[in-house]
């Protein structure tokens, strides 16, 4: 049973554990979960970073992420995909993006 992808672009912080739990909730066909968590660093090419601001085009950003999820589903036997991407001002140590996928193996 494929569930598809869930993509969100938001300013609010997210809890990676809650997102992974939502990815697998009620599923007994999931045998593997792979994740990527991107975070803001305090240095970039030797220069200190106090804050960064990510801008986006509402609608266009979500469509682009959905297309990436669809391509991944064509290439690999995924059950579900969850992407949460933050925008707006972010400080070092904060999570920027979570990509989580589930599969049978």
Protein backbone atom coordinates (compact mmCIF):
# COMPACT_ATOMS: atom_id res chain seq x y z
CA UNK A 1 0.00 0.00 0.00
CA UNK A 2 1.54 3.28 -1.08
CA UNK A 3 0.62 6.45 0.76
CA UNK A 4 2.47 8.93 -1.42
CA UNK A 5 4.27 11.99 -0.17
CA UNK A 6 3.62 14.64 2.43
CA UNK A 7 5.37 17.97 1.83
CA UNK A 8 5.21 21.02 4.08
CA UNK A 9 7.00 24.36 3.88
CA UNK A 10 6.72 26.32 7.11
CA UNK A 11 8.34 28.91 9.36
CA UNK A 12 7.74 26.97 12.60
CA UNK A 13 10.22 24.54 14.09
CA UNK A 14 9.39 20.84 13.77
CA UNK A 15 10.05 17.73 15.83
CA UNK A 16 11.87 15.13 13.71
CA UNK A 17 10.76 12.31 16.01
CA UNK A 18 7.10 13.28 15.67
CA UNK A 19 7.45 13.49 11.89
CA UNK A 20 9.02 10.02 11.70
CA UNK A 21 6.32 8.63 13.99
CA UNK A 22 3.66 10.11 11.69
CA UNK A 23 5.39 8.52 8.68
CA UNK A 24 5.05 5.04 10.18
CA UNK A 25 1.90 5.38 12.31
CA UNK A 26 -0.48 2.47 11.79
CA UNK A 27 1.76 0.90 9.15
CA UNK A 28 2.86 -2.70 9.54
CA UNK A 29 4.42 -2.94 6.08
CA UNK A 30 7.32 -0.62 6.92
CA UNK A 31 10.63 -2.44 7.30
CA UNK A 32 12.96 0.53 6.97
CA UNK A 33 13.02 4.28 7.50
CA UNK A 34 15.80 6.50 6.17
CA UNK A 35 16.12 10.14 7.18
CA UNK A 36 18.10 13.26 6.40
CA UNK A 37 18.09 16.22 8.77
CA UNK A 38 19.72 19.45 7.60
CA UNK A 39 20.70 22.04 10.21
CA UNK A 40 22.02 25.62 10.24
CA UNK A 41 25.77 25.73 10.92
CA UNK A 42 27.57 28.50 12.77
CA UNK A 43 30.28 28.76 10.09
CA UNK A 44 30.16 28.97 6.31
CA UNK A 45 33.46 28.87 4.43
CA UNK A 46 35.22 30.18 7.54
CA UNK A 47 32.82 33.08 8.15
CA UNK A 48 30.65 33.17 11.27
CA UNK A 49 26.92 32.77 10.77
CA UNK A 50 24.59 34.35 13.35
CA UNK A 51 21.40 33.91 11.35
CA UNK A 52 20.23 33.03 7.87
CA UNK A 53 16.96 33.76 6.15
CA UNK A 54 15.45 31.37 3.61
CA UNK A 55 12.96 32.82 1.15
CA UNK A 56 10.63 30.89 -1.11
CA UNK A 57 7.85 31.24 -3.64
CA UNK A 58 4.67 29.75 -2.09
CA UNK A 59 3.18 27.11 -4.31
CA UNK A 60 6.26 26.85 -6.51
CA UNK A 61 8.44 25.54 -3.67
CA UNK A 62 5.91 22.90 -2.67
CA UNK A 63 5.50 21.79 -6.30
CA UNK A 64 9.25 21.45 -6.74
CA UNK A 65 9.54 19.34 -3.58
CA UNK A 66 6.58 17.18 -4.69
CA UNK A 67 8.32 16.61 -8.03
CA UNK A 68 11.47 15.48 -6.23
CA UNK A 69 9.39 13.08 -4.11
CA UNK A 70 7.68 11.73 -7.24
CA UNK A 71 11.05 11.14 -8.91
CA UNK A 72 12.30 9.29 -5.82
CA UNK A 73 9.17 7.11 -5.85
CA UNK A 74 9.81 6.26 -9.53
CA UNK A 75 13.41 5.31 -8.81
CA UNK A 76 12.97 3.37 -5.56
CA UNK A 77 10.26 1.21 -4.03
CA UNK A 78 9.14 3.70 -1.37
CA UNK A 79 6.01 3.35 0.71
CA UNK A 80 5.83 6.94 1.90
CA UNK A 81 7.83 10.17 1.86
CA UNK A 82 7.69 13.10 4.27
CA UNK A 83 9.49 16.41 3.67
CA UNK A 84 9.37 19.37 6.03
CA UNK A 85 11.30 22.46 4.91
CA UNK A 86 11.55 25.63 6.95
CA UNK A 87 11.72 29.15 5.60
CA UNK A 88 12.24 32.53 7.24
CA UNK A 89 14.91 33.46 9.77
CA UNK A 90 16.91 30.55 11.20
CA UNK A 91 19.75 30.45 13.73
CA UNK A 92 22.68 28.05 14.11
CA UNK A 93 21.62 24.72 15.53
CA UNK A 94 18.07 24.92 14.18
CA UNK A 95 16.75 22.28 11.81
CA UNK A 96 16.15 23.47 8.26
CA UNK A 97 14.86 20.39 6.49
CA UNK A 98 13.77 16.84 7.22
CA UNK A 99 13.43 14.20 4.54
CA UNK A 100 12.12 10.84 5.73
CA UNK A 101 11.21 7.87 3.57
CA UNK A 102 9.80 4.47 4.39
CA UNK A 103 10.04 1.21 2.49
CA UNK A 104 9.46 -2.49 3.02
CA UNK A 105 13.22 -3.20 3.05
